[in-house]
């Protein structure tokens, strides 16, 4: 047998484009390396702040994201993702530039989830900023722009902990309050959409609270974690026994 080269790093199939931030990243957050059951590669895109990406449509940052994605591929990544759902706007451009599978946003799951739901049920989206998650973001991800959306940015007219800390890039996060924000947003999404059948978390920082949301509402919860683990499964398929095993009674 011969080994084939061409990379710098081996065994880390997923490359993650990171915003430049300082806020806490809990286990479950894709920016916490302990969140993944497999190795990943990271590249921080300098100047890509939450404020600029979420509230200003990542204006002027496309060349930097493309260059960072190319560097990850050169380093060894076989697939690229990002740590902000709002970067769906760059999906087509990054995919065209790097020559490997690209999944910029958890919102890309919306059409598939809608297809597997029972008739009469629909997908809903929780976002960090309903004020700026536009029809353009949804369309770029292949999602129906009419998909219902609720944000943690203005629940009951309040500025909530989760959106305030993440978008403000603050150093401390009250995790109990943040979880309450996610649960309240989920409850509002369910209240205003009685036909809700599943939830997609736009924000990658919401993943640590996905289990609590599932337990609270009893609905399937999809996120960047479910998307990236699906992508990784295609890039690094499980190894099964090569030999055919005879499972007939009496053969063991």
C-alpha atoms as a PDB file:
ATOM      1  CA  UNK A   1       0.000   0.000   0.000  1.00  0.00           C
ATOM      2  CA  UNK A   2       1.101   3.583  -0.659  1.00  0.00           C
ATOM      3  CA  UNK A   3       0.143   6.676   1.334  1.00  0.00           C
ATOM      4  CA  UNK A   4      -0.831   9.762  -0.631  1.00  0.00           C
ATOM      5  CA  UNK A   5       0.249  13.273   0.368  1.00  0.00           C
ATOM      6  CA  UNK A   6      -0.774  16.793  -0.540  1.00  0.00           C
ATOM      7  CA  UNK A   7      -1.861  18.268   2.787  1.00  0.00           C
ATOM      8  CA  UNK A   8      -0.153  19.830   5.773  1.00  0.00           C
ATOM      9  CA  UNK A   9      -2.590  18.486   8.394  1.00  0.00           C
ATOM     10  CA  UNK A  10      -4.329  15.105   8.212  1.00  0.00           C
ATOM     11  CA  UNK A  11      -7.362  13.733  10.032  1.00  0.00           C
ATOM     12  CA  UNK A  12      -9.213  17.054  10.435  1.00  0.00           C
ATOM     13  CA  UNK A  13     -11.713  17.137   7.592  1.00  0.00           C
ATOM     14  CA  UNK A  14     -13.714  20.190   8.715  1.00  0.00           C
ATOM     15  CA  UNK A  15     -12.372  23.727   8.533  1.00  0.00           C
ATOM     16  CA  UNK A  16     -14.231  26.403  10.506  1.00  0.00           C
ATOM     17  CA  UNK A  17     -14.142  30.094   9.604  1.00  0.00           C
ATOM     18  CA  UNK A  18     -14.369  32.002  12.874  1.00  0.00           C
ATOM     19  CA  UNK A  19     -15.482  35.551  13.584  1.00  0.00           C
ATOM     20  CA  UNK A  20     -13.040  37.594  15.637  1.00  0.00           C
ATOM     21  CA  UNK A  21     -14.589  37.598  19.115  1.00  0.00           C
ATOM     22  CA  UNK A  22     -13.836  37.499  22.835  1.00  0.00           C
ATOM     23  CA  UNK A  23     -17.175  36.449  24.392  1.00  0.00           C
ATOM     24  CA  UNK A  24     -17.324  33.131  26.312  1.00  0.00           C
ATOM     25  CA  UNK A  25     -17.776  29.980  24.236  1.00  0.00           C
ATOM     26  CA  UNK A  26     -19.334  27.114  26.159  1.00  0.00           C
ATOM     27  CA  UNK A  27     -19.003  23.437  25.259  1.00  0.00           C
ATOM     28  CA  UNK A  28     -21.479  23.014  22.417  1.00  0.00           C
ATOM     29  CA  UNK A  29     -20.493  26.319  20.844  1.00  0.00           C
ATOM     30  CA  UNK A  30     -18.637  25.457  17.642  1.00  0.00           C
ATOM     31  CA  UNK A  31     -15.818  27.805  18.650  1.00  0.00           C
ATOM     32  CA  UNK A  32     -15.110  25.539  21.627  1.00  0.00           C
ATOM     33  CA  UNK A  33     -13.018  22.673  20.276  1.00  0.00           C
ATOM     34  CA  UNK A  34     -14.378  20.346  22.975  1.00  0.00           C
ATOM     35  CA  UNK A  35     -17.746  20.491  21.190  1.00  0.00           C
ATOM     36  CA  UNK A  36     -16.647  18.161  18.401  1.00  0.00           C
ATOM     37  CA  UNK A  37     -16.270  14.369  18.466  1.00  0.00           C
ATOM     38  CA  UNK A  38     -13.648  14.737  15.724  1.00  0.00           C
ATOM     39  CA  UNK A  39     -10.685  17.074  15.071  1.00  0.00           C
ATOM     40  CA  UNK A  40     -11.383  20.388  13.318  1.00  0.00           C
ATOM     41  CA  UNK A  41      -9.282  23.205  11.890  1.00  0.00           C
ATOM     42  CA  UNK A  42      -9.926  26.851  12.781  1.00  0.00           C
ATOM     43  CA  UNK A  43      -9.128  30.131  11.048  1.00  0.00           C
ATOM     44  CA  UNK A  44     -10.065  33.476  12.609  1.00  0.00           C
ATOM     45  CA  UNK A  45     -11.097  36.089  10.029  1.00  0.00           C
ATOM     46  CA  UNK A  46      -9.643  39.296  11.430  1.00  0.00           C
ATOM     47  CA  UNK A  47     -12.054  42.212  11.509  1.00  0.00           C
ATOM     48  CA  UNK A  48     -15.131  39.981  11.209  1.00  0.00           C
ATOM     49  CA  UNK A  49     -16.917  41.180  14.343  1.00  0.00           C
ATOM     50  CA  UNK A  50     -20.452  40.115  15.371  1.00  0.00           C
ATOM     51  CA  UNK A  51     -21.612  43.696  14.841  1.00  0.00           C
ATOM     52  CA  UNK A  52     -20.290  43.803  11.289  1.00  0.00           C
ATOM     53  CA  UNK A  53     -21.430  40.321  10.258  1.00  0.00           C
ATOM     54  CA  UNK A  54     -24.863  40.257  11.901  1.00  0.00           C
ATOM     55  CA  UNK A  55     -25.977  43.860  11.674  1.00  0.00           C
ATOM     56  CA  UNK A  56     -24.138  45.047   8.559  1.00  0.00           C
ATOM     57  CA  UNK A  57     -24.365  41.970   6.290  1.00  0.00           C
ATOM     58  CA  UNK A  58     -20.605  41.345   6.610  1.00  0.00           C
ATOM     59  CA  UNK A  59     -20.031  44.306   4.320  1.00  0.00           C
ATOM     60  CA  UNK A  60     -16.584  44.260   2.700  1.00  0.00           C
ATOM     61  CA  UNK A  61     -15.552  40.939   4.270  1.00  0.00           C
ATOM     62  CA  UNK A  62     -16.094  38.515   1.391  1.00  0.00           C
ATOM     63  CA  UNK A  63     -12.463  38.592   0.120  1.00  0.00           C
ATOM     64  CA  UNK A  64     -11.173  37.901   3.632  1.00  0.00           C
ATOM     65  CA  UNK A  65     -13.521  34.936   4.075  1.00  0.00           C
ATOM     66  CA  UNK A  66     -12.571  33.483   0.703  1.00  0.00           C
ATOM     67  CA  UNK A  67      -8.861  33.811   1.449  1.00  0.00           C
ATOM     68  CA  UNK A  68      -9.327  32.230   4.893  1.00  0.00           C
ATOM     69  CA  UNK A  69     -11.313  29.345   3.387  1.00  0.00           C
ATOM     70  CA  UNK A  70      -8.578  28.746   0.830  1.00  0.00           C
ATOM     71  CA  UNK A  71      -5.982  28.661   3.593  1.00  0.00           C
ATOM     72  CA  UNK A  72      -8.007  26.048   5.484  1.00  0.00           C
ATOM     73  CA  UNK A  73      -8.249  23.902   2.372  1.00  0.00           C
ATOM     74  CA  UNK A  74      -4.514  24.259   1.764  1.00  0.00           C
ATOM     75  CA  UNK A  75      -3.903  23.270   5.373  1.00  0.00           C
ATOM     76  CA  UNK A  76      -5.942  20.093   4.995  1.00  0.00           C
ATOM     77  CA  UNK A  77      -9.679  20.773   5.304  1.00  0.00           C
ATOM     78  CA  UNK A  78     -11.965  18.767   3.003  1.00  0.00           C
ATOM     79  CA  UNK A  79     -15.058  20.822   3.867  1.00  0.00           C
ATOM     80  CA  UNK A  80     -15.672  24.367   5.100  1.00  0.00           C
ATOM     81  CA  UNK A  81     -18.198  25.853   7.494  1.00  0.00           C
ATOM     82  CA  UNK A  82     -18.554  29.114   9.448  1.00  0.00           C
ATOM     83  CA  UNK A  83     -19.543  30.093  12.947  1.00  0.00           C
ATOM     84  CA  UNK A  84     -22.342  32.510  12.033  1.00  0.00           C
ATOM     85  CA  UNK A  85     -25.610  31.701  10.297  1.00  0.00           C
ATOM     86  CA  UNK A  86     -25.722  35.181   8.779  1.00  0.00           C
ATOM     87  CA  UNK A  87     -22.829  34.189   6.521  1.00  0.00           C
ATOM     88  CA  UNK A  88     -25.304  32.361   4.287  1.00  0.00           C
ATOM     89  CA  UNK A  89     -24.901  35.479   2.138  1.00  0.00           C
ATOM     90  CA  UNK A  90     -21.413  34.206   1.221  1.00  0.00           C
ATOM     91  CA  UNK A  91     -22.436  30.595   0.510  1.00  0.00           C
ATOM     92  CA  UNK A  92     -22.308  30.700  -3.272  1.00  0.00           C
ATOM     93  CA  UNK A  93     -19.135  32.794  -3.454  1.00  0.00           C
ATOM     94  CA  UNK A  94     -17.095  30.700  -1.010  1.00  0.00           C
ATOM     95  CA  UNK A  95     -18.289  27.438  -2.561  1.00  0.00           C
ATOM     96  CA  UNK A  96     -17.251  28.674  -5.991  1.00  0.00           C
ATOM     97  CA  UNK A  97     -13.816  29.707  -4.730  1.00  0.00           C
ATOM     98  CA  UNK A  98     -12.513  26.720  -2.777  1.00  0.00           C
ATOM     99  CA  UNK A  99     -13.380  23.509  -4.637  1.00  0.00           C
ATOM    100  CA  UNK A 100     -14.623  21.566  -1.589  1.00  0.00           C
ATOM    101  CA  UNK A 101     -18.073  21.259   0.017  1.00  0.00           C
ATOM    102  CA  UNK A 102     -19.101  24.426   1.869  1.00  0.00           C
ATOM    103  CA  UNK A 103     -21.871  24.795   4.449  1.00  0.00           C
ATOM    104  CA  UNK A 104     -21.864  28.369   5.724  1.00  0.00           C
ATOM    105  CA  UNK A 105     -25.094  28.371   7.715  1.00  0.00           C
ATOM    106  CA  UNK A 106     -27.376  26.088   9.718  1.00  0.00           C
ATOM    107  CA  UNK A 107     -30.225  27.702   7.749  1.00  0.00           C
ATOM    108  CA  UNK A 108     -29.277  25.456   4.825  1.00  0.00           C
ATOM    109  CA  UNK A 109     -31.079  22.631   6.650  1.00  0.00           C
ATOM    110  CA  UNK A 110     -34.483  24.321   6.476  1.00  0.00           C
ATOM    111  CA  UNK A 111     -35.610  22.838   3.113  1.00  0.00           C
ATOM    112  CA  UNK A 112     -34.566  19.300   4.066  1.00  0.00           C
ATOM    113  CA  UNK A 113     -36.251  19.496   7.466  1.00  0.00           C
ATOM    114  CA  UNK A 114     -39.429  20.818   5.892  1.00  0.00           C
ATOM    115  CA  UNK A 115     -39.404  17.856   3.524  1.00  0.00           C
ATOM    116  CA  UNK A 116     -39.291  15.291   6.345  1.00  0.00           C
ATOM    117  CA  UNK A 117     -41.941  16.876   8.578  1.00  0.00           C
ATOM    118  CA  UNK A 118     -45.490  15.492   8.622  1.00  0.00           C
ATOM    119  CA  UNK A 119     -48.046  17.289   6.434  1.00  0.00           C
ATOM    120  CA  UNK A 120     -49.340  20.441   8.086  1.00  0.00           C
ATOM    121  CA  UNK A 121     -46.151  21.060  10.073  1.00  0.00           C
ATOM    122  CA  UNK A 122     -43.513  23.691   9.365  1.00  0.00           C
ATOM    123  CA  UNK A 123     -39.988  24.663  10.362  1.00  0.00           C
ATOM    124  CA  UNK A 124     -39.316  27.735  12.482  1.00  0.00           C
ATOM    125  CA  UNK A 125     -36.071  29.627  13.058  1.00  0.00           C
ATOM    126  CA  UNK A 126     -34.565  31.044  16.236  1.00  0.00           C
ATOM    127  CA  UNK A 127     -32.028  33.780  15.569  1.00  0.00           C
ATOM    128  CA  UNK A 128     -29.850  36.124  17.569  1.00  0.00           C
ATOM    129  CA  UNK A 129     -31.213  39.089  15.602  1.00  0.00           C
ATOM    130  CA  UNK A 130     -34.653  38.963  14.033  1.00  0.00           C
ATOM    131  CA  UNK A 131     -34.225  42.642  13.229  1.00  0.00           C
ATOM    132  CA  UNK A 132     -31.476  41.904  10.691  1.00  0.00           C
ATOM    133  CA  UNK A 133     -32.093  38.317   9.535  1.00  0.00           C
ATOM    134  CA  UNK A 134     -33.469  39.188   6.130  1.00  0.00           C
ATOM    135  CA  UNK A 135     -35.201  37.410   3.272  1.00  0.00           C
ATOM    136  CA  UNK A 136     -31.851  37.615   1.483  1.00  0.00           C
ATOM    137  CA  UNK A 137     -30.168  35.536   4.205  1.00  0.00           C
ATOM    138  CA  UNK A 138     -32.867  32.871   3.979  1.00  0.00           C
ATOM    139  CA  UNK A 139     -32.924  32.781   0.191  1.00  0.00           C
ATOM    140  CA  UNK A 140     -29.123  32.451   0.042  1.00  0.00           C
ATOM    141  CA  UNK A 141     -29.417  29.374   2.263  1.00  0.00           C
ATOM    142  CA  UNK A 142     -32.118  27.887   0.049  1.00  0.00           C
ATOM    143  CA  UNK A 143     -34.784  28.447   2.716  1.00  0.00           C
ATOM    144  CA  UNK A 144     -38.271  29.779   2.102  1.00  0.00           C
ATOM    145  CA  UNK A 145     -38.129  33.519   2.937  1.00  0.00           C
ATOM    146  CA  UNK A 146     -41.574  33.114   4.532  1.00  0.00           C
ATOM    147  CA  UNK A 147     -40.221  30.734   7.198  1.00  0.00           C
ATOM    148  CA  UNK A 148     -41.280  32.053  10.634  1.00  0.00           C
ATOM    149  CA  UNK A 149     -38.494  33.671  12.658  1.00  0.00           C
ATOM    150  CA  UNK A 150     -38.218  34.727  16.294  1.00  0.00           C
ATOM    151  CA  UNK A 151     -35.148  36.428  17.746  1.00  0.00           C
ATOM    152  CA  UNK A 152     -33.600  36.724  21.187  1.00  0.00           C
ATOM    153  CA  UNK A 153     -32.826  40.366  20.449  1.00  0.00           C
ATOM    154  CA  UNK A 154     -36.157  41.908  21.454  1.00  0.00           C
ATOM    155  CA  UNK A 155     -38.344  39.494  23.399  1.00  0.00           C
ATOM    156  CA  UNK A 156     -41.196  41.389  25.059  1.00  0.00           C
ATOM    157  CA  UNK A 157     -39.444  44.607  24.074  1.00  0.00           C
ATOM    158  CA  UNK A 158     -36.441  43.855  26.296  1.00  0.00           C
ATOM    159  CA  UNK A 159     -32.740  43.741  25.473  1.00  0.00           C
ATOM    160  CA  UNK A 160     -31.928  40.183  26.526  1.00  0.00           C
ATOM    161  CA  UNK A 161     -28.701  38.754  27.934  1.00  0.00           C
ATOM    162  CA  UNK A 162     -27.892  36.351  25.108  1.00  0.00           C
ATOM    163  CA  UNK A 163     -28.088  38.835  22.235  1.00  0.00           C
ATOM    164  CA  UNK A 164     -26.591  41.645  24.292  1.00  0.00           C
ATOM    165  CA  UNK A 165     -23.443  39.719  25.235  1.00  0.00           C
ATOM    166  CA  UNK A 166     -22.842  37.960  21.900  1.00  0.00           C
ATOM    167  CA  UNK A 167     -23.541  40.930  19.638  1.00  0.00           C
ATOM    168  CA  UNK A 168     -21.758  43.288  22.019  1.00  0.00           C
ATOM    169  CA  UNK A 169     -18.811  40.869  22.243  1.00  0.00           C
ATOM    170  CA  UNK A 170     -18.748  41.167  26.029  1.00  0.00           C
ATOM    171  CA  UNK A 171     -16.411  39.231  28.316  1.00  0.00           C
ATOM    172  CA  UNK A 172     -19.023  37.732  30.665  1.00  0.00           C
ATOM    173  CA  UNK A 173     -22.231  35.793  30.022  1.00  0.00           C
ATOM    174  CA  UNK A 174     -24.870  34.835  32.564  1.00  0.00           C
ATOM    175  CA  UNK A 175     -25.547  31.346  31.255  1.00  0.00           C
ATOM    176  CA  UNK A 176     -28.781  30.901  33.212  1.00  0.00           C
ATOM    177  CA  UNK A 177     -30.202  34.085  31.715  1.00  0.00           C
ATOM    178  CA  UNK A 178     -28.957  33.097  28.270  1.00  0.00           C
ATOM    179  CA  UNK A 179     -30.719  29.742  28.514  1.00  0.00           C
ATOM    180  CA  UNK A 180     -33.888  31.507  29.623  1.00  0.00           C
ATOM    181  CA  UNK A 181     -33.658  33.742  26.555  1.00  0.00           C
ATOM    182  CA  UNK A 182     -33.450  30.722  24.242  1.00  0.00           C
ATOM    183  CA  UNK A 183     -36.359  28.977  25.963  1.00  0.00           C
ATOM    184  CA  UNK A 184     -38.493  32.132  25.892  1.00  0.00           C
ATOM    185  CA  UNK A 185     -37.766  32.639  22.200  1.00  0.00           C
ATOM    186  CA  UNK A 186     -38.670  29.030  21.501  1.00  0.00           C
ATOM    187  CA  UNK A 187     -41.915  29.377  23.448  1.00  0.00           C
ATOM    188  CA  UNK A 188     -42.787  32.513  21.470  1.00  0.00           C
ATOM    189  CA  UNK A 189     -42.078  30.729  18.195  1.00  0.00           C
ATOM    190  CA  UNK A 190     -44.362  27.863  19.219  1.00  0.00           C
ATOM    191  CA  UNK A 191     -47.074  30.212  20.499  1.00  0.00           C
ATOM    192  CA  UNK A 192     -47.229  32.227  17.292  1.00  0.00           C
ATOM    193  CA  UNK A 193     -46.972  29.162  15.037  1.00  0.00           C
ATOM    194  CA  UNK A 194     -49.266  26.379  16.279  1.00  0.00           C
ATOM    195  CA  UNK A 195     -48.195  24.202  13.342  1.00  0.00           C
ATOM    196  CA  UNK A 196     -44.527  24.312  14.371  1.00  0.00           C
ATOM    197  CA  UNK A 197     -42.888  20.933  13.784  1.00  0.00           C
ATOM    198  CA  UNK A 198     -39.163  21.623  14.222  1.00  0.00           C
ATOM    199  CA  UNK A 199     -36.739  24.413  15.087  1.00  0.00           C
ATOM    200  CA  UNK A 200     -33.514  25.498  13.406  1.00  0.00           C
ATOM    201  CA  UNK A 201     -31.048  27.505  15.473  1.00  0.00           C
ATOM    202  CA  UNK A 202     -29.541  30.134  13.187  1.00  0.00           C
ATOM    203  CA  UNK A 203     -27.008  31.202  15.777  1.00  0.00           C
ATOM    204  CA  UNK A 204     -24.128  28.813  16.396  1.00  0.00           C
ATOM    205  CA  UNK A 205     -23.821  30.088  19.973  1.00  0.00           C
ATOM    206  CA  UNK A 206     -27.292  28.684  20.782  1.00  0.00           C
ATOM    207  CA  UNK A 207     -26.182  25.058  20.520  1.00  0.00           C
ATOM    208  CA  UNK A 208     -25.328  24.660  24.240  1.00  0.00           C
ATOM    209  CA  UNK A 209     -29.027  25.240  24.969  1.00  0.00           C
ATOM    210  CA  UNK A 210     -30.437  22.953  22.253  1.00  0.00           C
ATOM    211  CA  UNK A 211     -31.112  20.060  24.619  1.00  0.00           C
ATOM    212  CA  UNK A 212     -32.994  22.272  27.081  1.00  0.00           C
ATOM    213  CA  UNK A 213     -35.060  23.653  24.196  1.00  0.00           C
ATOM    214  CA  UNK A 214     -35.871  20.158  22.969  1.00  0.00           C
ATOM    215  CA  UNK A 215     -36.968  19.144  26.468  1.00  0.00           C
ATOM    216  CA  UNK A 216     -39.020  22.298  26.893  1.00  0.00           C
ATOM    217  CA  UNK A 217     -40.971  22.135  23.633  1.00  0.00           C
ATOM    218  CA  UNK A 218     -40.744  18.465  22.683  1.00  0.00           C
ATOM    219  CA  UNK A 219     -39.780  19.387  19.121  1.00  0.00           C
ATOM    220  CA  UNK A 220     -36.723  18.387  17.073  1.00  0.00           C
ATOM    221  CA  UNK A 221     -33.972  21.001  17.259  1.00  0.00           C
ATOM    222  CA  UNK A 222     -31.462  21.423  14.424  1.00  0.00           C
ATOM    223  CA  UNK A 223     -28.316  23.528  14.549  1.00  0.00           C
ATOM    224  CA  UNK A 224     -24.880  24.065  13.087  1.00  0.00           C
ATOM    225  CA  UNK A 225     -23.841  20.974  15.041  1.00  0.00           C
ATOM    226  CA  UNK A 226     -26.308  18.729  13.217  1.00  0.00           C
ATOM    227  CA  UNK A 227     -25.251  20.224   9.879  1.00  0.00           C
ATOM    228  CA  UNK A 228     -21.505  19.878  10.424  1.00  0.00           C
ATOM    229  CA  UNK A 229     -21.756  16.354  11.817  1.00  0.00           C
ATOM    230  CA  UNK A 230     -23.749  15.418   8.690  1.00  0.00           C
ATOM    231  CA  UNK A 231     -21.087  17.009   6.482  1.00  0.00           C
ATOM    232  CA  UNK A 232     -18.283  15.304   8.372  1.00  0.00           C
ATOM    233  CA  UNK A 233     -20.005  11.943   7.950  1.00  0.00           C
ATOM    234  CA  UNK A 234     -19.713  12.301   4.187  1.00  0.00           C
ATOM    235  CA  UNK A 235     -16.070  13.348   4.306  1.00  0.00           C
ATOM    236  CA  UNK A 236     -14.948  10.725   6.828  1.00  0.00           C
ATOM    237  CA  UNK A 237     -17.322   7.740   6.469  1.00  0.00           C
ATOM    238  CA  UNK A 238     -17.213   5.181   9.268  1.00  0.00           C
ATOM    239  CA  UNK A 239     -15.004   2.163   8.706  1.00  0.00           C
ATOM    240  CA  UNK A 240     -16.967  -1.084   8.824  1.00  0.00           C
ATOM    241  CA  UNK A 241     -15.622  -4.631   8.760  1.00  0.00           C
ATOM    242  CA  UNK A 242     -14.509  -5.608   5.282  1.00  0.00           C
ATOM    243  CA  UNK A 243     -15.498  -9.231   5.692  1.00  0.00           C
ATOM    244  CA  UNK A 244     -19.085 -10.302   5.114  1.00  0.00           C
ATOM    245  CA  UNK A 245     -20.468 -11.746   8.324  1.00  0.00           C
ATOM    246  CA  UNK A 246     -22.843 -14.712   8.030  1.00  0.00           C
ATOM    247  CA  UNK A 247     -25.692 -13.918  10.411  1.00  0.00           C
ATOM    248  CA  UNK A 248     -27.746 -17.043   9.788  1.00  0.00           C
ATOM    249  CA  UNK A 249     -28.766 -18.959  12.925  1.00  0.00           C
ATOM    250  CA  UNK A 250     -26.203 -21.506  13.970  1.00  0.00           C
ATOM    251  CA  UNK A 251     -23.267 -19.949  12.158  1.00  0.00           C
ATOM    252  CA  UNK A 252     -21.597 -18.360  15.209  1.00  0.00           C
END
